[in-house]
Amino acid sequence: MKTPPSTSISIRILAVLWLASTFGLAALAQQATPTPPSKSDDTKSESAPAKAPLTPEEKKRADLLADTEKLYKLSQELKAEVAKSNKDTLSVSVVKKAQEVERLAKSIKDRSRSQ
């Protein structure tokens, strides 16, 4: 028995959302570096030290973190659009956003494995 196309798409969207939330939470959990407390404006010296350039590993990590945050936002938008849609049909924008989420999740997955 073949499932209707709308059910198949819904299942794919749910799988992508699950993957996105899993990777997003895993990346955020790995980010355990505390940020130093910020100084108030009146305690700052006029010659603030220049930030050291990022190492390639730090840049990769920062890029992965930025993409993970983007993935999280996209998956939240997709979830909201799916909730608004009819139970039997999905709009083209929902399908395109699901494909974008899927592409970004795969990219993050591949890059995180290569580290």
N, C-alpha and C. Protein backbone atom coordinates (compact mmCIF):
# COMPACT_ATOMS: atom_id res chain seq x y z
N MET A 1 0.84 -1.18 0.00
CA MET A 1 0.00 0.00 0.00
C MET A 1 0.89 1.24 0.00
N LYS A 2 0.64 2.11 -0.92
CA LYS A 2 1.46 3.30 -1.08
C LYS A 2 0.87 4.45 -0.26
N THR A 3 1.76 5.22 0.43
CA THR A 3 1.28 6.34 1.23
C THR A 3 1.04 7.54 0.33
N PRO A 4 0.06 8.36 0.67
CA PRO A 4 -0.20 9.56 -0.14
C PRO A 4 1.00 10.50 -0.11
N PRO A 5 1.20 11.29 -1.17
CA PRO A 5 2.36 12.19 -1.23
C PRO A 5 2.42 13.17 -0.07
N SER A 6 1.28 13.68 0.37
CA SER A 6 1.30 14.65 1.47
C SER A 6 1.79 14.01 2.76
N THR A 7 1.46 12.74 2.99
CA THR A 7 1.93 12.04 4.18
C THR A 7 3.43 11.81 4.10
N SER A 8 3.90 11.46 2.92
CA SER A 8 5.33 11.24 2.71
C SER A 8 6.12 12.52 2.97
N ILE A 9 5.63 13.64 2.48
CA ILE A 9 6.30 14.92 2.69
C ILE A 9 6.26 15.29 4.15
N SER A 10 5.14 15.07 4.81
CA SER A 10 5.02 15.38 6.24
C SER A 10 6.02 14.57 7.05
N ILE A 11 6.19 13.32 6.71
CA ILE A 11 7.13 12.46 7.42
C ILE A 11 8.55 12.96 7.21
N ARG A 12 8.88 13.36 5.97
CA ARG A 12 10.22 13.90 5.69
C ARG A 12 10.47 15.18 6.46
N ILE A 13 9.46 16.05 6.52
CA ILE A 13 9.61 17.31 7.24
C ILE A 13 9.82 17.04 8.72
N LEU A 14 9.07 16.14 9.29
CA LEU A 14 9.25 15.81 10.70
C LEU A 14 10.64 15.22 10.95
N ALA A 15 11.12 14.38 10.04
CA ALA A 15 12.45 13.81 10.19
C ALA A 15 13.52 14.90 10.13
N VAL A 16 13.36 15.83 9.21
CA VAL A 16 14.32 16.92 9.09
C VAL A 16 14.29 17.80 10.34
N LEU A 17 13.09 18.09 10.85
CA LEU A 17 12.99 18.88 12.07
C LEU A 17 13.66 18.17 13.24
N TRP A 18 13.47 16.87 13.32
CA TRP A 18 14.09 16.11 14.40
C TRP A 18 15.61 16.16 14.28
N LEU A 19 16.11 15.97 13.06
CA LEU A 19 17.56 16.04 12.85
C LEU A 19 18.09 17.43 13.19
N ALA A 20 17.37 18.45 12.75
CA ALA A 20 17.82 19.82 13.00
C ALA A 20 17.87 20.11 14.49
N SER A 21 16.86 19.71 15.21
CA SER A 21 16.86 19.97 16.65
C SER A 21 17.94 19.15 17.35
N THR A 22 18.18 17.92 16.89
CA THR A 22 19.22 17.09 17.49
C THR A 22 20.59 17.70 17.28
N PHE A 23 20.90 18.10 16.03
CA PHE A 23 22.20 18.69 15.76
C PHE A 23 22.34 20.04 16.44
N GLY A 24 21.27 20.80 16.46
CA GLY A 24 21.32 22.12 17.11
C GLY A 24 21.60 22.01 18.59
N LEU A 25 20.93 21.10 19.26
CA LEU A 25 21.15 20.92 20.69
C LEU A 25 22.52 20.35 20.98
N ALA A 26 23.00 19.45 20.13
CA ALA A 26 24.32 18.87 20.35
C ALA A 26 25.41 19.93 20.20
N ALA A 27 25.27 20.78 19.21
CA ALA A 27 26.27 21.82 19.00
C ALA A 27 26.24 22.85 20.12
N LEU A 28 25.04 23.18 20.58
CA LEU A 28 24.95 24.14 21.67
C LEU A 28 25.47 23.54 22.97
N ALA A 29 25.29 22.24 23.17
CA ALA A 29 25.80 21.59 24.37
C ALA A 29 27.32 21.56 24.35
N GLN A 30 27.92 21.42 23.17
CA GLN A 30 29.37 21.40 23.07
C GLN A 30 29.97 22.77 23.32
N GLN A 31 29.20 23.80 23.17
CA GLN A 31 29.70 25.15 23.39
C GLN A 31 29.67 25.44 24.88
N ALA A 32 30.72 25.05 25.57
CA ALA A 32 30.79 25.23 27.02
C ALA A 32 31.81 26.28 27.40
N THR A 33 32.22 27.09 26.45
CA THR A 33 33.20 28.12 26.75
C THR A 33 32.50 29.33 27.32
N PRO A 34 32.77 29.66 28.58
CA PRO A 34 32.11 30.82 29.18
C PRO A 34 32.69 32.11 28.61
N THR A 35 31.86 33.12 28.52
CA THR A 35 32.31 34.40 28.02
C THR A 35 32.79 35.23 29.20
N PRO A 36 33.86 35.98 29.02
CA PRO A 36 34.35 36.79 30.13
C PRO A 36 33.36 37.91 30.42
N PRO A 37 33.30 38.34 31.68
CA PRO A 37 32.36 39.42 32.01
C PRO A 37 32.77 40.70 31.30
N SER A 38 31.79 41.43 30.82
CA SER A 38 32.09 42.65 30.08
C SER A 38 32.36 43.79 31.05
N LYS A 39 33.22 44.68 30.63
CA LYS A 39 33.56 45.83 31.44
C LYS A 39 32.60 46.96 31.11
N SER A 40 32.35 47.82 32.07
CA SER A 40 31.50 48.97 31.79
C SER A 40 32.31 49.99 31.00
N ASP A 41 31.64 50.94 30.37
CA ASP A 41 32.31 51.90 29.49
C ASP A 41 33.32 52.77 30.22
N ASP A 42 33.02 53.15 31.48
CA ASP A 42 33.93 54.03 32.19
C ASP A 42 35.18 53.32 32.70
N THR A 43 35.24 51.99 32.69
CA THR A 43 36.43 51.28 33.14
C THR A 43 37.30 50.83 31.98
N LYS A 44 36.86 51.03 30.76
CA LYS A 44 37.63 50.62 29.59
C LYS A 44 38.77 51.61 29.36
N SER A 45 39.91 51.08 28.99
CA SER A 45 41.02 51.96 28.64
C SER A 45 40.83 52.40 27.19
N GLU A 46 41.46 53.50 26.86
CA GLU A 46 41.28 54.03 25.51
C GLU A 46 41.98 53.17 24.46
N SER A 47 43.04 52.50 24.85
CA SER A 47 43.73 51.63 23.90
C SER A 47 43.37 50.18 24.21
N ALA A 48 42.21 49.76 23.72
CA ALA A 48 41.76 48.39 23.94
C ALA A 48 42.64 47.44 23.14
N PRO A 49 43.03 46.30 23.74
CA PRO A 49 43.88 45.37 23.00
C PRO A 49 43.13 44.78 21.80
N ALA A 50 43.84 44.63 20.70
CA ALA A 50 43.25 44.06 19.49
C ALA A 50 43.03 42.56 19.70
N LYS A 51 41.94 42.06 19.16
CA LYS A 51 41.65 40.63 19.28
C LYS A 51 42.59 39.85 18.37
N ALA A 52 43.05 38.74 18.88
CA ALA A 52 43.93 37.88 18.10
C ALA A 52 43.12 37.22 16.99
N PRO A 53 43.72 37.04 15.82
CA PRO A 53 42.98 36.38 14.74
C PRO A 53 42.65 34.93 15.12
N LEU A 54 41.55 34.47 14.61
CA LEU A 54 41.10 33.12 14.92
C LEU A 54 41.99 32.09 14.22
N THR A 55 42.22 31.00 14.92
CA THR A 55 42.92 29.89 14.30
C THR A 55 41.96 29.19 13.35
N PRO A 56 42.44 28.38 12.42
CA PRO A 56 41.52 27.68 11.52
C PRO A 56 40.50 26.81 12.26
N GLU A 57 40.92 26.18 13.35
CA GLU A 57 39.98 25.35 14.12
C GLU A 57 38.90 26.21 14.76
N GLU A 58 39.30 27.38 15.32
CA GLU A 58 38.33 28.28 15.94
C GLU A 58 37.37 28.84 14.90
N LYS A 59 37.88 29.12 13.71
CA LYS A 59 37.01 29.63 12.64
C LYS A 59 36.00 28.57 12.21
N LYS A 60 36.45 27.32 12.06
CA LYS A 60 35.53 26.24 11.70
C LYS A 60 34.44 26.09 12.75
N ARG A 61 34.86 26.15 14.02
CA ARG A 61 33.90 26.02 15.12
C ARG A 61 32.90 27.17 15.11
N ALA A 62 33.41 28.39 14.88
CA ALA A 62 32.52 29.55 14.83
C ALA A 62 31.54 29.45 13.65
N ASP A 63 32.04 28.98 12.50
CA ASP A 63 31.16 28.80 11.33
C ASP A 63 30.10 27.75 11.60
N LEU A 64 30.51 26.63 12.22
CA LEU A 64 29.54 25.59 12.54
C LEU A 64 28.49 26.10 13.52
N LEU A 65 28.93 26.88 14.50
CA LEU A 65 27.99 27.42 15.48
C LEU A 65 27.00 28.37 14.81
N ALA A 66 27.51 29.24 13.93
CA ALA A 66 26.63 30.18 13.22
C ALA A 66 25.63 29.43 12.34
N ASP A 67 26.10 28.39 11.63
CA ASP A 67 25.19 27.62 10.79
C ASP A 67 24.18 26.84 11.63
N THR A 68 24.60 26.38 12.79
CA THR A 68 23.67 25.66 13.67
C THR A 68 22.58 26.59 14.18
N GLU A 69 22.96 27.80 14.52
CA GLU A 69 21.95 28.78 14.94
C GLU A 69 20.99 29.10 13.80
N LYS A 70 21.54 29.22 12.58
CA LYS A 70 20.69 29.47 11.41
C LYS A 70 19.74 28.29 11.18
N LEU A 71 20.26 27.08 11.35
CA LEU A 71 19.44 25.88 11.19
C LEU A 71 18.32 25.85 12.21
N TYR A 72 18.64 26.22 13.43
CA TYR A 72 17.62 26.25 14.49
C TYR A 72 16.51 27.25 14.14
N LYS A 73 16.90 28.44 13.69
CA LYS A 73 15.89 29.44 13.32
C LYS A 73 15.04 28.97 12.15
N LEU A 74 15.69 28.38 11.14
CA LEU A 74 14.94 27.88 9.99
C LEU A 74 13.97 26.77 10.38
N SER A 75 14.41 25.88 11.27
CA SER A 75 13.53 24.79 11.67
C SER A 75 12.35 25.30 12.48
N GLN A 76 12.57 26.35 13.27
CA GLN A 76 11.45 26.95 14.02
C GLN A 76 10.46 27.61 13.06
N GLU A 77 10.98 28.29 12.03
CA GLU A 77 10.10 28.90 11.02
C GLU A 77 9.31 27.82 10.28
N LEU A 78 10.00 26.74 9.92
CA LEU A 78 9.35 25.64 9.21
C LEU A 78 8.26 25.02 10.08
N LYS A 79 8.56 24.84 11.34
CA LYS A 79 7.57 24.27 12.26
C LYS A 79 6.33 25.15 12.33
N ALA A 80 6.53 26.46 12.39
CA ALA A 80 5.40 27.39 12.45
C ALA A 80 4.58 27.34 11.16
N GLU A 81 5.26 27.26 10.01
CA GLU A 81 4.55 27.20 8.73
C GLU A 81 3.78 25.89 8.57
N VAL A 82 4.36 24.80 9.03
CA VAL A 82 3.67 23.51 8.96
C VAL A 82 2.44 23.53 9.85
N ALA A 83 2.55 24.14 11.01
CA ALA A 83 1.41 24.23 11.93
C ALA A 83 0.27 25.04 11.32
N LYS A 84 0.60 26.04 10.50
CA LYS A 84 -0.42 26.87 9.87
C LYS A 84 -1.07 26.19 8.67
N SER A 85 -0.38 25.23 8.07
CA SER A 85 -0.87 24.63 6.83
C SER A 85 -2.01 23.65 7.10
N ASN A 86 -2.69 23.32 6.03
CA ASN A 86 -3.78 22.36 6.06
C ASN A 86 -3.21 20.96 6.28
N LYS A 87 -3.95 20.10 6.94
CA LYS A 87 -3.41 18.77 7.26
C LYS A 87 -3.20 17.91 6.00
N ASP A 88 -3.86 18.22 4.91
CA ASP A 88 -3.75 17.40 3.70
C ASP A 88 -2.80 17.96 2.66
N THR A 89 -2.49 19.25 2.76
CA THR A 89 -1.63 19.86 1.74
C THR A 89 -0.56 20.72 2.40
N LEU A 90 0.55 20.85 1.71
CA LEU A 90 1.63 21.72 2.15
C LEU A 90 1.92 22.71 1.03
N SER A 91 2.23 23.94 1.40
CA SER A 91 2.52 24.95 0.39
C SER A 91 3.92 24.72 -0.19
N VAL A 92 4.16 25.34 -1.31
CA VAL A 92 5.46 25.23 -1.97
C VAL A 92 6.54 25.83 -1.08
N SER A 93 6.22 26.92 -0.39
CA SER A 93 7.22 27.55 0.48
C SER A 93 7.63 26.62 1.62
N VAL A 94 6.70 25.81 2.13
CA VAL A 94 7.02 24.85 3.18
C VAL A 94 7.98 23.79 2.65
N VAL A 95 7.72 23.31 1.46
CA VAL A 95 8.58 22.28 0.87
C VAL A 95 9.97 22.86 0.59
N LYS A 96 10.03 24.09 0.07
CA LYS A 96 11.33 24.71 -0.20
C LYS A 96 12.11 24.96 1.09
N LYS A 97 11.42 25.40 2.13
CA LYS A 97 12.09 25.63 3.40
C LYS A 97 12.57 24.32 3.99
N ALA A 98 11.80 23.25 3.84
CA ALA A 98 12.22 21.93 4.31
C ALA A 98 13.47 21.47 3.57
N GLN A 99 13.54 21.73 2.28
CA GLN A 99 14.72 21.37 1.50
C GLN A 99 15.93 22.18 1.95
N GLU A 100 15.72 23.46 2.26
CA GLU A 100 16.81 24.30 2.74
C GLU A 100 17.33 23.81 4.10
N VAL A 101 16.40 23.44 4.98
CA VAL A 101 16.78 22.90 6.28
C VAL A 101 17.56 21.60 6.10
N GLU A 102 17.09 20.77 5.21
CA GLU A 102 17.75 19.49 4.95
C GLU A 102 19.17 19.70 4.41
N ARG A 103 19.33 20.63 3.48
CA ARG A 103 20.65 20.93 2.91
C ARG A 103 21.61 21.45 3.98
N LEU A 104 21.12 22.39 4.80
CA LEU A 104 21.97 22.97 5.84
C LEU A 104 22.33 21.93 6.90
N ALA A 105 21.39 21.08 7.27
CA ALA A 105 21.67 20.02 8.25
C ALA A 105 22.71 19.05 7.71
N LYS A 106 22.61 18.70 6.45
CA LYS A 106 23.59 17.78 5.85
C LYS A 106 24.97 18.44 5.80
N SER A 107 25.01 19.73 5.48
CA SER A 107 26.27 20.45 5.43
C SER A 107 26.94 20.48 6.81
N ILE A 108 26.16 20.77 7.82
CA ILE A 108 26.68 20.81 9.20
C ILE A 108 27.17 19.42 9.61
N LYS A 109 26.41 18.42 9.27
CA LYS A 109 26.77 17.05 9.61
C LYS A 109 28.10 16.66 8.96
N ASP A 110 28.24 16.95 7.67
CA ASP A 110 29.47 16.60 6.95
C ASP A 110 30.67 17.36 7.49
N ARG A 111 30.49 18.67 7.75
CA ARG A 111 31.62 19.46 8.25
C ARG A 111 32.00 19.06 9.68
N SER A 112 31.03 18.68 10.50
CA SER A 112 31.36 18.30 11.88
C SER A 112 32.07 16.95 11.92
N ARG A 113 31.82 16.09 10.97
CA ARG A 113 32.51 14.79 10.91
C ARG A 113 33.95 14.96 10.45
N SER A 114 34.22 15.97 9.63
CA SER A 114 35.56 16.14 9.08
C SER A 114 36.52 16.80 10.06
N GLN A 115 36.03 17.25 11.19
CA GLN A 115 36.90 17.91 12.16
C GLN A 115 37.70 16.95 12.96
